[in-house]
Protein backbone atom coordinates (compact mmCIF):
# COMPACT_ATOMS: atom_id res chain seq x y z
CA MET A 1 44.34 -14.57 37.92
CA LYS A 2 47.45 -12.46 38.37
CA ARG A 3 47.87 -9.21 36.42
CA SER A 4 50.68 -10.63 34.25
CA GLU A 5 48.55 -13.69 33.40
CA ALA A 6 45.55 -11.51 32.61
CA ILE A 7 47.52 -9.21 30.30
CA THR A 8 49.08 -12.21 28.57
CA GLU A 9 45.63 -13.70 27.97
CA LEU A 10 44.40 -10.33 26.65
CA ILE A 11 47.37 -10.06 24.28
CA LEU A 12 46.78 -13.58 22.97
CA GLU A 13 43.09 -12.82 22.46
CA VAL A 14 44.00 -9.63 20.55
CA PHE A 15 46.28 -11.69 18.29
CA ARG A 16 43.47 -14.20 17.67
CA LEU A 17 40.98 -11.41 17.01
CA ASN A 18 43.39 -9.66 14.65
CA GLY A 19 43.74 -12.81 12.57
CA ARG A 20 39.95 -13.24 12.38
CA LEU A 21 39.44 -9.56 11.52
CA LEU A 22 41.98 -9.71 8.71
CA ALA A 23 40.39 -12.85 7.25
CA ALA A 24 36.88 -11.41 7.55
CA GLY A 25 38.02 -8.09 6.05
CA ASP A 26 39.68 -9.89 3.15
CA ALA A 27 36.45 -11.77 2.43
CA LEU A 28 34.34 -8.62 2.77
CA VAL A 29 36.26 -6.61 0.14
CA ALA A 30 37.83 -9.26 -2.12
CA ASP A 31 35.43 -8.67 -5.01
CA ILE A 32 36.29 -4.95 -5.12
CA GLY A 33 39.99 -5.70 -5.55
CA LEU A 34 41.04 -5.03 -1.97
CA THR A 35 42.54 -6.91 0.93
CA SER A 36 42.38 -5.88 4.57
CA ALA A 37 45.88 -4.43 4.25
CA ARG A 38 45.00 -2.38 1.17
CA TRP A 39 41.78 -1.23 2.84
CA GLN A 40 43.75 -0.09 5.89
CA VAL A 41 46.13 1.96 3.76
CA LEU A 42 43.27 3.48 1.76
CA GLY A 43 41.55 4.37 5.02
CA ALA A 44 44.65 5.97 6.50
CA ILE A 45 44.98 8.13 3.39
CA ALA A 46 41.26 8.88 3.06
CA LEU A 47 40.92 9.91 6.72
CA SER A 48 44.03 12.07 6.81
CA PRO A 49 43.31 15.82 6.63
CA ALA A 50 46.27 16.23 4.25
CA PRO A 51 48.27 13.96 1.94
CA LEU A 52 51.03 12.06 3.74
CA PRO A 53 54.24 10.32 2.70
CA VAL A 54 54.59 6.57 3.18
CA ALA A 55 56.62 6.89 6.40
CA HIS A 56 53.86 8.92 8.09
CA VAL A 57 51.14 6.50 7.00
CA ALA A 58 53.23 3.60 8.32
CA ARG A 59 53.83 5.31 11.67
CA ASN A 60 50.14 6.19 12.06
CA MET A 61 49.15 2.59 11.35
CA GLY A 62 51.87 0.97 13.46
CA LEU A 63 53.36 -0.79 10.42
CA THR A 64 56.79 -0.79 8.84
CA ARG A 65 57.54 1.73 6.13
CA GLN A 66 58.58 -1.12 3.83
CA ALA A 67 55.23 -2.91 4.18
CA VAL A 68 53.27 0.25 3.45
CA GLN A 69 55.61 1.14 0.55
CA ARG A 70 54.97 -2.26 -1.05
CA LEU A 71 51.20 -1.81 -0.75
CA VAL A 72 51.34 1.76 -2.05
CA ASN A 73 53.43 0.66 -5.04
CA GLU A 74 50.90 -2.08 -5.84
CA MET A 75 47.96 0.29 -5.51
CA VAL A 76 49.65 2.94 -7.66
CA GLY A 77 50.07 0.22 -10.29
CA ASP A 78 46.39 -0.69 -9.94
CA GLY A 79 45.28 2.93 -10.30
CA LEU A 80 43.95 3.31 -6.74
CA LEU A 81 46.63 5.76 -5.61
CA ARG A 82 48.94 8.30 -7.18
CA LEU A 83 52.10 9.89 -5.85
CA GLY A 84 52.64 13.63 -5.92
CA PRO A 85 55.39 16.06 -5.03
CA ASN A 86 56.15 16.81 -1.40
CA PRO A 87 57.22 20.41 -0.76
CA HIS A 88 58.97 19.31 2.44
CA HIS A 89 60.97 16.40 1.03
CA GLN A 90 62.04 15.79 -2.54
CA ARG A 91 62.16 11.99 -2.39
CA ALA A 92 59.25 11.23 0.00
CA LYS A 93 56.29 11.66 -2.33
CA LEU A 94 52.82 12.41 -0.97
CA ILE A 95 50.14 9.76 -1.46
CA HIS A 96 46.79 10.73 -3.01
CA LEU A 97 43.67 8.67 -3.66
CA THR A 98 42.62 8.49 -7.29
CA ASP A 99 38.94 8.49 -8.22
CA ALA A 100 39.16 4.68 -8.41
CA GLY A 101 40.75 4.61 -4.95
CA LYS A 102 38.01 6.84 -3.54
CA ALA A 103 35.35 4.58 -5.09
CA ALA A 104 36.98 1.40 -3.73
CA TYR A 105 37.25 2.90 -0.24
CA ALA A 106 33.64 4.11 -0.34
CA ALA A 107 32.45 0.66 -1.45
CA ALA A 108 34.40 -1.00 1.37
CA MET A 109 33.03 1.40 3.96
CA LYS A 110 29.47 0.88 2.73
CA ARG A 111 29.88 -2.80 3.58
CA GLN A 112 31.73 -2.18 6.84
CA GLY A 113 28.81 -0.56 8.69
CA PRO A 114 26.36 -3.47 8.43
CA TRP A 115 29.17 -5.98 9.02
CA ALA A 116 30.25 -4.16 12.20
CA GLY A 117 26.63 -4.07 13.34
CA GLU A 118 26.37 -7.84 12.97
CA ILE A 119 29.54 -8.41 14.99
CA ALA A 120 28.41 -6.02 17.74
CA ALA A 121 24.90 -7.46 18.02
CA GLY A 122 24.24 -8.41 21.62
CA VAL A 123 27.33 -6.68 22.99
CA ASN A 124 26.73 -3.82 25.40
CA VAL A 125 28.06 -0.45 24.17
CA GLY A 126 29.61 0.11 27.59
CA GLN A 127 31.63 -3.09 27.21
CA ILE A 128 32.86 -1.92 23.82
CA GLU A 129 33.83 1.48 25.21
CA THR A 130 35.69 -0.17 28.11
CA ALA A 131 37.57 -2.39 25.66
CA ILE A 132 38.51 0.66 23.56
CA THR A 133 39.78 2.50 26.63
CA THR A 134 41.80 -0.51 27.82
CA LEU A 135 43.37 -1.23 24.44
CA ARG A 136 44.14 2.46 23.83
CA SER A 137 45.80 2.70 27.25
CA LEU A 138 47.96 -0.35 26.57
CA ARG A 139 48.94 0.99 23.13
CA ARG A 140 49.96 4.32 24.65
CA ARG A 141 52.05 2.55 27.31
CA LEU A 142 53.82 0.63 24.55
CA ASP A 143 54.35 3.83 22.56
CA THR A 144 55.86 5.53 25.61
CA SER A 145 58.06 2.56 26.56
CA SER A 146 59.54 2.26 23.05
CA GLU A 147 60.62 5.91 22.82
């Protein structure tokens, strides 16, 4: 297989995997009022060392600002997030988890560990690490080429 064919097959497999991961994530957290997309945004906020505005969350996640803004607005309405002042920008509010948002994220993560273990059963850790390295390298090449 030529390099261009191999990378095309890898990209297609990543797309297929992404679709399956989103569907599985939706099913995993549906009863706690989340979707995969909401879970991703909660995670980006929960794992950030400091509150971020929507544009920074979107950039970190590789999503559009508009998509993240829509999700943030919904989750503010649902009481999972709140917006606070940003000392660096008057209009770009900082996103904070509420207690309900922290609880929803914790509940999702409690389920994620066993679920990930089931998916990884029988897969060599070295294979997983190689996949991480390969995908990270490709992402960085895309980041560099789009600047």
